[in-house]
N, C-alpha and C. Protein backbone atom coordinates (compact mmCIF):
# COMPACT_ATOMS: atom_id res chain seq x y z
N UNK A 1 -83.41 -14.28 5.26
CA UNK A 1 -82.42 -14.47 6.13
C UNK A 1 -80.78 -14.29 5.48
N UNK A 2 -79.89 -13.69 6.25
CA UNK A 2 -78.73 -13.35 5.73
C UNK A 2 -78.19 -14.54 5.47
N UNK A 3 -76.72 -14.52 4.69
CA UNK A 3 -75.90 -15.63 4.33
C UNK A 3 -75.31 -16.19 5.94
N UNK A 4 -75.21 -15.08 6.51
CA UNK A 4 -74.43 -15.40 7.83
C UNK A 4 -75.41 -16.23 8.58
N UNK A 5 -76.29 -15.80 8.73
CA UNK A 5 -78.02 -16.37 9.60
C UNK A 5 -77.95 -17.75 8.99
N UNK A 6 -77.92 -18.01 7.58
CA UNK A 6 -78.28 -19.27 6.99
C UNK A 6 -77.18 -20.15 7.37
N UNK A 7 -76.03 -20.06 7.62
CA UNK A 7 -74.72 -20.94 7.75
C UNK A 7 -74.53 -20.98 9.15
N UNK A 8 -75.11 -19.88 10.09
CA UNK A 8 -75.03 -20.30 11.18
C UNK A 8 -76.33 -21.28 11.88
N UNK A 9 -77.46 -21.33 10.93
CA UNK A 9 -78.31 -22.00 11.40
C UNK A 9 -77.86 -23.65 10.97
N UNK A 10 -77.15 -23.69 9.86
CA UNK A 10 -76.91 -24.62 9.16
C UNK A 10 -75.71 -25.58 10.06
N UNK A 11 -74.65 -24.75 10.44
CA UNK A 11 -73.95 -25.27 11.66
C UNK A 11 -74.31 -25.57 13.04
N UNK A 12 -75.43 -24.81 13.22
CA UNK A 12 -76.00 -25.31 14.65
C UNK A 12 -76.68 -26.54 14.48
N UNK A 13 -77.26 -26.77 13.44
CA UNK A 13 -77.98 -28.10 13.38
C UNK A 13 -77.13 -29.34 13.33
N UNK A 14 -75.98 -28.72 12.52
CA UNK A 14 -74.78 -30.05 12.21
C UNK A 14 -73.75 -30.20 13.57
N UNK A 15 -73.49 -29.35 14.37
CA UNK A 15 -72.56 -29.07 15.15
C UNK A 15 -73.16 -28.90 16.36
N UNK A 16 -74.32 -29.04 16.54
CA UNK A 16 -75.03 -28.77 17.83
C UNK A 16 -74.81 -27.33 18.49
N UNK A 17 -74.70 -26.41 17.78
CA UNK A 17 -73.70 -24.87 18.25
C UNK A 17 -75.22 -24.57 19.36
N UNK A 18 -74.60 -23.66 20.61
CA UNK A 18 -75.71 -23.52 21.41
C UNK A 18 -75.30 -21.67 21.52
N UNK A 19 -76.37 -20.92 21.66
CA UNK A 19 -76.13 -19.58 21.84
C UNK A 19 -75.93 -19.16 23.10
N UNK A 20 -75.22 -18.58 23.40
CA UNK A 20 -75.06 -18.10 25.06
C UNK A 20 -76.10 -17.23 25.25
N UNK A 21 -76.68 -17.19 26.39
CA UNK A 21 -77.36 -16.13 26.94
C UNK A 21 -77.03 -15.06 27.37
N UNK A 22 -77.69 -13.92 27.07
CA UNK A 22 -77.51 -12.39 27.59
C UNK A 22 -76.31 -11.98 26.79
N UNK A 23 -76.53 -12.32 25.31
CA UNK A 23 -75.76 -11.81 24.25
C UNK A 23 -76.60 -10.71 23.77
N UNK A 24 -76.10 -9.59 23.04
CA UNK A 24 -76.98 -8.56 22.02
C UNK A 24 -77.61 -9.22 21.20
N UNK A 25 -77.10 -10.39 20.62
CA UNK A 25 -77.53 -10.74 19.40
C UNK A 25 -77.31 -12.32 19.51
N UNK A 26 -78.17 -13.24 18.70
CA UNK A 26 -77.74 -14.33 18.87
C UNK A 26 -76.64 -15.01 18.22
N UNK A 27 -76.59 -14.09 17.38
CA UNK A 27 -75.17 -14.92 16.30
C UNK A 27 -73.96 -14.08 16.62
N UNK A 28 -73.59 -13.49 17.92
CA UNK A 28 -72.42 -12.88 18.24
C UNK A 28 -71.41 -13.78 18.73
N UNK A 29 -72.25 -14.57 19.77
CA UNK A 29 -71.38 -15.50 20.24
C UNK A 29 -71.46 -17.31 20.73
N UNK A 30 -71.31 -18.04 20.29
CA UNK A 30 -71.90 -19.52 20.48
C UNK A 30 -70.59 -20.40 20.96
N UNK A 31 -70.90 -21.59 21.35
CA UNK A 31 -70.29 -22.47 21.92
C UNK A 31 -70.75 -23.70 20.62
N UNK A 32 -69.59 -24.73 20.30
CA UNK A 32 -69.61 -25.75 19.42
C UNK A 32 -69.57 -27.18 19.98
N UNK A 33 -70.53 -27.72 20.13
CA UNK A 33 -70.50 -29.17 20.61
C UNK A 33 -70.40 -30.38 19.71
N UNK A 34 -69.97 -31.63 20.04
CA UNK A 34 -70.00 -32.80 19.16
C UNK A 34 -68.86 -32.50 17.85
N UNK A 35 -68.04 -31.57 18.09
CA UNK A 35 -66.98 -31.63 17.21
C UNK A 35 -65.87 -32.52 17.06
N UNK A 36 -66.00 -33.12 15.67
CA UNK A 36 -64.79 -34.19 15.57
C UNK A 36 -63.81 -33.94 14.86
N UNK A 37 -63.89 -33.03 14.12
CA UNK A 37 -62.64 -32.96 13.17
C UNK A 37 -62.24 -31.39 13.19
N UNK A 38 -60.89 -31.10 12.67
CA UNK A 38 -60.47 -29.82 12.63
C UNK A 38 -60.94 -28.88 11.56
N UNK A 39 -61.72 -29.59 10.54
CA UNK A 39 -62.75 -28.72 9.52
C UNK A 39 -63.64 -28.36 10.34
N UNK A 40 -64.44 -28.91 11.43
CA UNK A 40 -65.72 -28.24 12.06
C UNK A 40 -65.03 -27.60 13.20
N UNK A 41 -63.97 -27.27 13.68
CA UNK A 41 -63.28 -26.42 14.45
C UNK A 41 -63.28 -25.06 13.49
N UNK A 42 -62.74 -25.19 12.17
CA UNK A 42 -62.35 -23.99 11.43
C UNK A 42 -64.20 -23.55 11.29
N UNK A 43 -65.20 -24.63 10.89
CA UNK A 43 -66.41 -23.67 10.58
C UNK A 43 -66.80 -23.17 11.62
N UNK A 44 -66.85 -24.08 12.71
CA UNK A 44 -67.47 -23.12 14.12
C UNK A 44 -66.71 -21.77 14.48
N UNK A 45 -65.79 -22.01 14.20
CA UNK A 45 -64.62 -20.95 14.32
C UNK A 45 -64.79 -19.49 13.33
N UNK A 46 -65.31 -19.86 12.33
CA UNK A 46 -65.80 -18.91 11.40
C UNK A 46 -67.12 -18.13 11.57
N UNK A 47 -68.03 -18.79 12.92
CA UNK A 47 -69.31 -18.39 13.01
C UNK A 47 -69.54 -17.95 14.32
N UNK A 48 -68.21 -17.64 15.11
CA UNK A 48 -68.00 -17.03 16.17
C UNK A 48 -67.79 -18.32 17.39
N UNK A 49 -67.89 -19.30 17.10
CA UNK A 49 -67.70 -19.96 18.75
C UNK A 49 -66.27 -19.79 19.21
N UNK A 50 -66.48 -19.83 20.21
CA UNK A 50 -65.27 -19.59 21.03
C UNK A 50 -64.61 -20.84 21.78
N UNK A 51 -65.62 -21.56 21.91
CA UNK A 51 -65.42 -22.83 22.87
C UNK A 51 -66.18 -24.32 22.33
N UNK A 52 -64.90 -24.93 22.33
CA UNK A 52 -65.23 -26.34 21.39
C UNK A 52 -65.44 -27.49 22.13
N UNK A 53 -66.33 -28.20 22.06
CA UNK A 53 -66.64 -29.53 23.07
C UNK A 53 -66.54 -30.59 22.29
N UNK A 54 -65.96 -31.74 22.42
CA UNK A 54 -65.62 -32.93 21.59
C UNK A 54 -66.19 -33.88 22.67
N UNK A 55 -66.75 -35.26 21.88
CA UNK A 55 -67.08 -35.95 22.70
C UNK A 55 -65.90 -37.36 23.20
N UNK A 56 -64.66 -37.17 22.58
CA UNK A 56 -63.69 -37.51 22.94
C UNK A 56 -62.55 -37.10 22.71
N UNK A 57 -61.25 -37.78 23.24
CA UNK A 57 -60.02 -36.98 23.17
C UNK A 57 -59.43 -37.03 21.78
N UNK A 58 -59.20 -36.24 20.92
CA UNK A 58 -58.55 -36.31 19.84
C UNK A 58 -57.10 -35.24 19.62
N UNK A 59 -56.26 -35.65 19.99
CA UNK A 59 -55.07 -34.76 19.94
C UNK A 59 -54.94 -33.68 18.89
N UNK A 60 -55.35 -34.06 17.63
CA UNK A 60 -55.10 -33.30 16.55
C UNK A 60 -55.92 -32.34 16.58
N UNK A 61 -57.47 -32.23 16.96
CA UNK A 61 -58.58 -31.36 17.36
C UNK A 61 -57.81 -30.39 18.35
N UNK A 62 -57.59 -30.93 19.73
CA UNK A 62 -57.06 -30.17 20.48
C UNK A 62 -55.94 -29.33 20.65
N UNK A 63 -55.16 -29.92 19.78
CA UNK A 63 -53.96 -29.16 19.30
C UNK A 63 -54.38 -28.00 18.73
N UNK A 64 -54.97 -28.29 17.38
CA UNK A 64 -55.22 -27.03 17.01
C UNK A 64 -56.17 -25.96 17.49
N UNK A 65 -57.30 -26.25 18.33
CA UNK A 65 -57.89 -25.51 19.37
C UNK A 65 -56.94 -24.71 20.00
N UNK A 66 -55.93 -25.23 20.30
CA UNK A 66 -54.91 -24.53 21.59
C UNK A 66 -54.34 -23.49 20.51
N UNK A 67 -53.83 -24.24 19.34
CA UNK A 67 -52.80 -23.14 18.64
C UNK A 67 -53.56 -21.94 17.77
N UNK A 68 -54.97 -22.24 17.86
CA UNK A 68 -55.79 -21.21 17.19
C UNK A 68 -56.54 -20.05 18.03
N UNK A 69 -56.48 -20.46 19.48
CA UNK A 69 -56.94 -19.41 20.38
C UNK A 69 -58.22 -20.00 20.69
N UNK A 70 -59.02 -21.09 20.30
CA UNK A 70 -60.15 -21.55 20.71
C UNK A 70 -60.27 -22.32 22.21
N UNK A 71 -61.16 -22.28 22.79
CA UNK A 71 -61.02 -22.99 24.12
C UNK A 71 -61.77 -24.35 23.82
N UNK A 72 -60.86 -25.56 24.39
CA UNK A 72 -61.31 -26.89 24.24
C UNK A 72 -61.77 -27.77 25.32
N UNK A 73 -63.36 -28.16 25.22
CA UNK A 73 -62.77 -29.35 26.37
C UNK A 73 -63.44 -30.59 25.65
N UNK A 74 -62.20 -31.40 25.70
CA UNK A 74 -62.31 -33.00 25.22
C UNK A 74 -63.40 -34.01 26.06
N UNK A 75 -63.79 -34.54 25.28
CA UNK A 75 -64.45 -35.77 26.27
C UNK A 75 -63.52 -36.79 26.72
N UNK A 76 -63.38 -37.02 27.83
CA UNK A 76 -62.58 -38.22 28.74
C UNK A 76 -63.15 -39.37 29.28
N UNK A 77 -62.55 -40.37 29.08
CA UNK A 77 -63.42 -41.77 29.54
C UNK A 77 -62.54 -42.54 30.63
N UNK A 78 -61.25 -42.17 30.55
CA UNK A 78 -60.64 -43.23 31.56
C UNK A 78 -59.21 -42.37 31.80
N UNK A 79 -58.21 -43.15 32.93
CA UNK A 79 -57.23 -42.25 33.12
C UNK A 79 -56.30 -41.78 32.33
N UNK A 80 -56.11 -42.75 30.93
CA UNK A 80 -54.96 -42.24 29.98
C UNK A 80 -56.02 -40.98 29.35
N UNK A 81 -56.92 -40.61 29.10
CA UNK A 81 -57.49 -39.81 28.73
C UNK A 81 -57.37 -38.54 29.61
N UNK A 82 -57.58 -38.90 30.65
CA UNK A 82 -57.55 -37.50 31.85
C UNK A 82 -56.07 -37.63 31.43
N UNK A 83 -55.05 -37.69 31.37
CA UNK A 83 -53.63 -37.21 31.51
C UNK A 83 -53.36 -36.73 30.32
N UNK A 84 -53.87 -37.34 28.95
CA UNK A 84 -53.57 -36.66 27.86
C UNK A 84 -54.52 -35.46 27.94
N UNK A 85 -55.48 -35.25 28.24
CA UNK A 85 -56.20 -33.96 28.27
C UNK A 85 -55.67 -32.80 29.06
N UNK A 86 -55.13 -33.29 30.43
CA UNK A 86 -54.72 -32.48 31.28
C UNK A 86 -53.57 -32.03 30.68
N UNK A 87 -52.71 -32.87 30.09
CA UNK A 87 -51.59 -32.01 29.76
C UNK A 87 -51.18 -31.59 28.80
N UNK A 88 -52.32 -31.71 27.36
CA UNK A 88 -53.00 -30.67 26.44
C UNK A 88 -53.55 -29.43 26.59
N UNK A 89 -54.50 -29.45 27.59
CA UNK A 89 -55.25 -28.73 27.94
C UNK A 89 -54.66 -27.34 28.97
N UNK A 90 -53.63 -27.62 29.41
CA UNK A 90 -52.95 -27.03 30.47
C UNK A 90 -52.71 -25.90 29.95
N UNK A 91 -52.52 -25.37 28.76
CA UNK A 91 -52.01 -24.04 28.02
C UNK A 91 -53.32 -23.20 27.92
N UNK A 92 -54.62 -23.52 28.13
CA UNK A 92 -55.48 -22.09 28.47
C UNK A 92 -56.03 -22.36 30.01
């Protein structure tokens, strides 16, 4: 197994990355879920994740994703979260 495949396998277990169907290789593109911190966004991005899913709304994580070209779907649970996510994520 290559180092990239090993790293992908490790981060897949850690951040619940799912491979996108219909891609030429399992390692060409992925989405990362249950991302809580900017470091996790960076690691997922290094492995090709283009969509970040977070269980809650963390303005720092959302801001980092937007600034660095990653699509992000933050978790929301109340009207305030909806307003914050709506105004933050309107850039993509």
